[in-house]
């Protein structure tokens, strides 16, 4: 055996868990959001009723949408969208507004926000991992499946809580949130690549 050479399996075991600092940070944010969702399961119904009785539920929901829109706008100003990116962004906003308008129950809308955020973080983390040379087959699909599993566990926990119920519709809403958020991320990434490819030299 040659001195100084390491076996391939040893090199595999010596690889760090995260491919980059950005990936580690993204998984950290994902864990924080999931922990926040799970930690409020026992209080969510009580809090929703408290806010609804004081007429604050819809106001806080609109405020949440404004904050998300502001975050998207701030991110957009960082990479200066043009042409196709603006069209794709407006299309995504229109789809979200249509879906929100068709949801009569405010709690259903919160699923789209909560699990949309989880899906975006998971997708970004997996995409970053793949870009660093790690094997990640179809990051977008894995992100949707992982987010759906987190949502399923959410509903399973609720089945054991006295003031919550297991609801199949919520599982569907969680999955829908993941599909919409990841599709939006993929569409924006495609638009950015298309613009860079067709940029005048």
Protein backbone atom coordinates (compact mmCIF):
# COMPACT_ATOMS: atom_id res chain seq x y z
CA UNK A 1 0.00 0.00 0.00
CA UNK A 2 1.33 3.45 -0.91
CA UNK A 3 2.04 5.82 1.95
CA UNK A 4 0.07 9.05 1.96
CA UNK A 5 -2.92 7.65 0.05
CA UNK A 6 -6.28 7.37 1.80
CA UNK A 7 -8.87 4.81 0.94
CA UNK A 8 -12.01 6.11 -0.86
CA UNK A 9 -14.28 4.97 1.99
CA UNK A 10 -12.13 6.93 4.48
CA UNK A 11 -12.40 10.04 2.32
CA UNK A 12 -16.16 9.56 2.25
CA UNK A 13 -16.33 9.37 6.06
CA UNK A 14 -14.10 12.44 6.44
CA UNK A 15 -16.53 14.65 4.48
CA UNK A 16 -18.28 17.23 6.68
CA UNK A 17 -22.02 16.89 7.13
CA UNK A 18 -22.72 20.22 5.40
CA UNK A 19 -21.23 21.11 2.04
CA UNK A 20 -20.88 24.82 2.86
CA UNK A 21 -21.59 27.43 5.51
CA UNK A 22 -24.60 28.58 3.50
CA UNK A 23 -26.11 25.09 3.53
CA UNK A 24 -25.61 24.83 7.28
CA UNK A 25 -27.25 28.22 7.75
CA UNK A 26 -30.22 27.24 5.56
CA UNK A 27 -30.78 24.00 7.51
CA UNK A 28 -30.57 26.02 10.71
CA UNK A 29 -33.33 28.36 9.51
CA UNK A 30 -35.39 25.36 8.39
CA UNK A 31 -35.11 23.80 11.84
CA UNK A 32 -36.03 27.12 13.49
CA UNK A 33 -39.19 27.51 11.37
CA UNK A 34 -40.28 23.90 11.93
CA UNK A 35 -39.64 24.24 15.69
CA UNK A 36 -41.73 27.43 15.74
CA UNK A 37 -44.61 25.68 13.92
CA UNK A 38 -44.54 22.63 16.21
CA UNK A 39 -44.14 24.66 19.41
CA UNK A 40 -47.35 26.58 18.75
CA UNK A 41 -49.53 23.56 17.95
CA UNK A 42 -51.12 23.51 21.39
CA UNK A 43 -51.71 27.26 21.37
CA UNK A 44 -52.66 27.87 17.73
CA UNK A 45 -56.44 27.36 18.12
CA UNK A 46 -56.60 29.47 21.29
CA UNK A 47 -54.50 32.23 19.74
CA UNK A 48 -56.56 32.22 16.54
CA UNK A 49 -59.80 32.50 18.51
CA UNK A 50 -58.34 35.31 20.66
CA UNK A 51 -57.30 37.28 17.59
CA UNK A 52 -60.57 36.62 15.76
CA UNK A 53 -62.68 37.80 18.71
CA UNK A 54 -60.78 41.09 18.67
CA UNK A 55 -60.93 41.46 14.89
CA UNK A 56 -57.16 41.16 14.56
CA UNK A 57 -56.81 37.84 12.73
CA UNK A 58 -57.27 39.19 9.20
CA UNK A 59 -55.19 42.29 9.98
CA UNK A 60 -52.24 40.19 11.17
CA UNK A 61 -52.57 37.92 8.15
CA UNK A 62 -52.42 40.93 5.79
CA UNK A 63 -49.45 42.26 7.76
CA UNK A 64 -47.73 38.89 7.31
CA UNK A 65 -48.32 39.06 3.54
CA UNK A 66 -46.94 42.60 3.44
CA UNK A 67 -43.79 41.50 5.31
CA UNK A 68 -43.30 38.55 2.95
CA UNK A 69 -43.79 40.87 -0.03
CA UNK A 70 -41.29 43.32 1.44
CA UNK A 71 -38.75 40.51 1.89
CA UNK A 72 -39.26 39.41 -1.73
CA UNK A 73 -38.89 43.01 -2.92
CA UNK A 74 -35.70 43.47 -0.88
CA UNK A 75 -34.29 40.25 -2.33
CA UNK A 76 -35.33 41.38 -5.79
CA UNK A 77 -33.52 44.69 -5.41
CA UNK A 78 -30.34 42.76 -4.53
CA UNK A 79 -30.32 40.88 -7.84
CA UNK A 80 -32.10 43.58 -9.91
CA UNK A 81 -34.74 41.63 -11.82
CA UNK A 82 -35.38 42.51 -15.44
CA UNK A 83 -37.72 41.41 -18.24
CA UNK A 84 -38.59 37.74 -17.90
CA UNK A 85 -37.82 37.72 -14.15
CA UNK A 86 -40.37 40.48 -13.51
CA UNK A 87 -42.98 38.65 -15.62
CA UNK A 88 -42.38 35.38 -13.71
CA UNK A 89 -42.51 37.20 -10.34
CA UNK A 90 -45.81 38.91 -11.21
CA UNK A 91 -47.22 35.56 -12.35
CA UNK A 92 -46.26 33.94 -9.04
CA UNK A 93 -47.84 36.79 -7.06
CA UNK A 94 -51.05 36.52 -9.12
CA UNK A 95 -51.28 32.75 -8.53
CA UNK A 96 -50.80 33.16 -4.77
CA UNK A 97 -53.44 35.90 -4.62
CA UNK A 98 -55.93 33.71 -6.53
CA UNK A 99 -55.30 30.75 -4.21
CA UNK A 100 -55.61 32.95 -1.11
CA UNK A 101 -58.86 34.46 -2.42
CA UNK A 102 -60.37 30.97 -2.91
CA UNK A 103 -59.55 29.91 0.66
CA UNK A 104 -62.48 30.94 2.82
CA UNK A 105 -60.98 29.82 6.15
CA UNK A 106 -58.07 32.04 7.32
CA UNK A 107 -56.32 29.11 9.05
CA UNK A 108 -56.02 27.39 5.67
CA UNK A 109 -54.05 30.36 4.35
CA UNK A 110 -51.57 30.13 7.21
CA UNK A 111 -50.60 26.64 5.99
CA UNK A 112 -49.55 28.13 2.65
CA UNK A 113 -47.31 30.64 4.40
CA UNK A 114 -45.84 28.34 7.07
CA UNK A 115 -45.07 25.37 4.86
CA UNK A 116 -44.20 27.57 1.91
CA UNK A 117 -41.38 29.04 4.00
CA UNK A 118 -40.23 25.56 5.08
CA UNK A 119 -40.25 24.35 1.47
CA UNK A 120 -38.21 27.31 0.23
CA UNK A 121 -35.54 26.80 2.91
CA UNK A 122 -35.34 23.04 2.25
CA UNK A 123 -35.15 23.58 -1.52
CA UNK A 124 -32.42 26.22 -1.16
CA UNK A 125 -30.43 23.99 1.20
CA UNK A 126 -30.64 20.98 -1.15
CA UNK A 127 -29.84 23.12 -4.21
CA UNK A 128 -26.80 24.56 -2.42
CA UNK A 129 -25.69 21.05 -1.47
CA UNK A 130 -26.00 19.89 -5.08
CA UNK A 131 -24.09 22.94 -6.34
CA UNK A 132 -21.20 22.00 -4.03
CA UNK A 133 -20.83 18.61 -5.73
CA UNK A 134 -22.81 16.46 -3.30
CA UNK A 135 -25.21 13.87 -4.71
CA UNK A 136 -28.75 15.27 -4.43
CA UNK A 137 -31.17 13.73 -6.96
CA UNK A 138 -33.85 16.23 -8.04
CA UNK A 139 -33.59 18.78 -5.17
CA UNK A 140 -36.99 20.34 -5.96
CA UNK A 141 -38.85 17.01 -5.69
CA UNK A 142 -36.99 16.09 -2.50
CA UNK A 143 -37.88 19.49 -1.02
CA UNK A 144 -41.59 18.95 -1.74
CA UNK A 145 -41.52 15.43 -0.26
CA UNK A 146 -39.55 16.50 2.84
CA UNK A 147 -41.91 19.44 3.49
CA UNK A 148 -44.96 17.21 3.00
CA UNK A 149 -43.53 14.76 5.57
CA UNK A 150 -43.00 17.61 8.06
CA UNK A 151 -46.64 18.63 7.48
CA UNK A 152 -47.82 15.03 7.93
CA UNK A 153 -45.96 14.82 11.26
CA UNK A 154 -47.61 18.12 12.24
CA UNK A 155 -51.05 16.57 11.72
CA UNK A 156 -50.08 13.34 13.53
CA UNK A 157 -49.01 15.37 16.58
CA UNK A 158 -52.33 17.25 16.49
CA UNK A 159 -54.20 13.94 16.71
CA UNK A 160 -52.89 13.56 20.29
CA UNK A 161 -53.57 17.15 21.43
CA UNK A 162 -56.85 17.76 23.28
CA UNK A 163 -57.77 20.99 21.47
CA UNK A 164 -56.63 19.94 17.95
CA UNK A 165 -57.80 17.37 15.40
CA UNK A 166 -56.17 15.31 12.65
CA UNK A 167 -57.40 16.76 9.33
CA UNK A 168 -56.61 15.22 5.93
CA UNK A 169 -57.34 18.55 4.25
CA UNK A 170 -54.52 20.21 6.19
CA UNK A 171 -52.11 17.57 4.87
CA UNK A 172 -53.21 18.52 1.35
CA UNK A 173 -52.78 22.22 2.11
CA UNK A 174 -49.27 21.56 3.45
CA UNK A 175 -48.41 19.65 0.28
CA UNK A 176 -49.92 22.39 -1.88
CA UNK A 177 -47.86 24.98 0.00
CA UNK A 178 -44.69 22.99 -0.70
CA UNK A 179 -45.48 22.53 -4.41
CA UNK A 180 -46.34 26.22 -4.90
CA UNK A 181 -43.29 27.53 -3.05
CA UNK A 182 -40.80 25.18 -4.71
CA UNK A 183 -42.36 25.77 -8.15
CA UNK A 184 -42.01 29.52 -7.57
CA UNK A 185 -38.35 29.11 -6.55
CA UNK A 186 -37.60 26.91 -9.58
CA UNK A 187 -39.39 29.33 -11.94
CA UNK A 188 -37.43 32.31 -10.59
CA UNK A 189 -34.14 30.40 -10.84
CA UNK A 190 -34.97 29.46 -14.45
CA UNK A 191 -35.82 33.09 -15.30
CA UNK A 192 -32.53 34.26 -13.81
CA UNK A 193 -30.56 31.67 -15.79
CA UNK A 194 -32.45 32.56 -18.98
CA UNK A 195 -31.66 36.24 -18.50
CA UNK A 196 -27.97 35.54 -17.87
CA UNK A 197 -27.79 33.29 -20.94
CA UNK A 198 -29.38 35.90 -23.18
CA UNK A 199 -27.63 38.94 -21.74
CA UNK A 200 -25.90 41.01 -24.46
CA UNK A 201 -22.12 40.55 -24.37
